[in-house]
Amino acid sequence: MKTNYWLILGTMLATTAVAQVNTNTLPEMPAPATAAPAPAALVSTNPVASAETKPAPVKHRKKKVVKKISEPTVALVPGPATVAAPNLNLRGQAGLKGEVVGHLKSGDAVTVISQINLDKHAADEPAQWAKILLPTGTKVWVNTKFVEAATKTVSAKKLNLRAGPGENYSVVGVLEKGASVNELTNHGDWAQIETPANAFAFVAAMYLIQAAPPVVEPTAAPVETPVANTPPPTTNNLVEAQPIVTEPAAAPPAGADTNAPPSVVDTNPPPPRVATHEGYVRSSVSLVAPTYYELYDANSGNAINYLYTTSTNLDLARYNNYEVIVTGEEGMSARWKDTPVLTIQKIYVLSTNPPASLNKRVYSPRASQQRR
C-alpha cells in the first residue's frame, strides 16, 4: 500500500515537470509577409477601359505644296501661230476654270484673235492666255428652241454657241439671226453643229510661237503727186469725192462761123486721189458695209474709211485693233455713193496695243435680247 502511494506521487511529479518544459518552448516563426493586393479601385479588369487610358497617336497633315510655274512673258498679235507643246488643252474660258473643249498637238497651226492677261490667277495657273479661232471639228452646241426646224436657220436675234449641251457650259461664239446651222447630233433641246468660222476658245499663250507681222510693201507703184498738193495726214476728216472738172471751150475768133459744131471738150477724169489717214483697224459691224474692215478714230468711234485691198498677201485680220497709217487711192463706193473706200497701197503699224476705249461698251435695253 505504501509502495503504490509513492509510485502515484512520482508519476504526478514527472507529469508536472514535462508540462513545465512544454510551456517554455519558443513560439512558431510567422510565415513571411506577402505584398498587399492593390485596391480594387486602382485595378481595372475591363480591357476596353484600359485601352482608353492610352493617348491616341497624333497624325500630322502634310501641307499641299503649290508649285509656281515659270511663265515667260509673251506678246501675241492677231494672226497665225504654231503650237509648241505636245498636248495643249483648248478651254472654254481664259484660265484653268474653263472646261476643256478640245486638244491641240505640237505643230498645229492656229489663228490668234487677241491676248488676254489675267489680273488674278493661282500660282500654278498661267496668267497669259490667247483667244484663238476654234479648229474645225470641235464640238459646238446650240439650243434648238431658237433654230427654225424647217430651214435650219437661227430665229433669235443672237444665239450663243456653247461648249456643251447646257447653259452651264462656256459661250464660245455667237450666231446672228438667219445664220444656217448644220446639225450633227441631238441631246434633248440641244444640238451639236458643225464648227462655225467665228467660234473661239482659249489656250495658254506661252505654248504658241508667232512671227512678227511683216511690213507690207505696196503691190503697185504709187501715183506720184506734187508735195504741195499732198493732203496732210488726218484722223477725223473725210475727204469728199472730187467732181469732174471740164475745161471751158475757147471763145471763137472774130468772124468765125458760130453755127459750126463746138470743139471737143476733154472729159477725162482726173488722176486717182492718193490719201493718207491714221487710225485704228476694226472689223465692219454693218451688214451692208462695202468691205470687211474699216479705219476708225478711237476718240470719237467714227469710221474714217473702209479699207480695201486687191493683194492676196495682205490679211487685214492681222491688223485688227492696231494703230496704223494707211496710204492708198481714195474714192467713193460704186454702190453707196456717200461711203468712202481706201484701196491700200502702204500700211505702217504704229502700235499693236488696242485703244483704251475698246472695252468701254454702252449697253441698251435692246442688248438684253441676246438669246442663250
Foldseek 3Di string as FASTA:
>chain_A
DVVVVVVVVVVVVVVVVVVVVVVPDDDDDDDDDDDDDDDPVVDDPDPVVVVVVDDDDDDDDDDDDDDADDFDDDADFWFKWFFQAQKWFWFLDQKPVGDGQDIDGGGDMWTFQHKAAAPDHDRHMARIKTKTWDDWPTWKKWFQVQADPVQQWGNFQKTFIFSDDDPVGHTFDIDGGGDHWAFDDDDVRMTTTTRDRRGITMTRPRRIGDDDDDWDAFPDDDDDDDPVPADDEDAPDADAADDFDKDDADDDDPPDDPVDDGDDIDRDGDPFHKHKYKAAKAADPDPPDPDGIFGHHLVVRGTHAAEDEPDPVDDCSRRHQFTKMFIAGWAADPVDRGHIHGYGRGIGTDGSDHDPCPPPDDDDPVVVSHDD
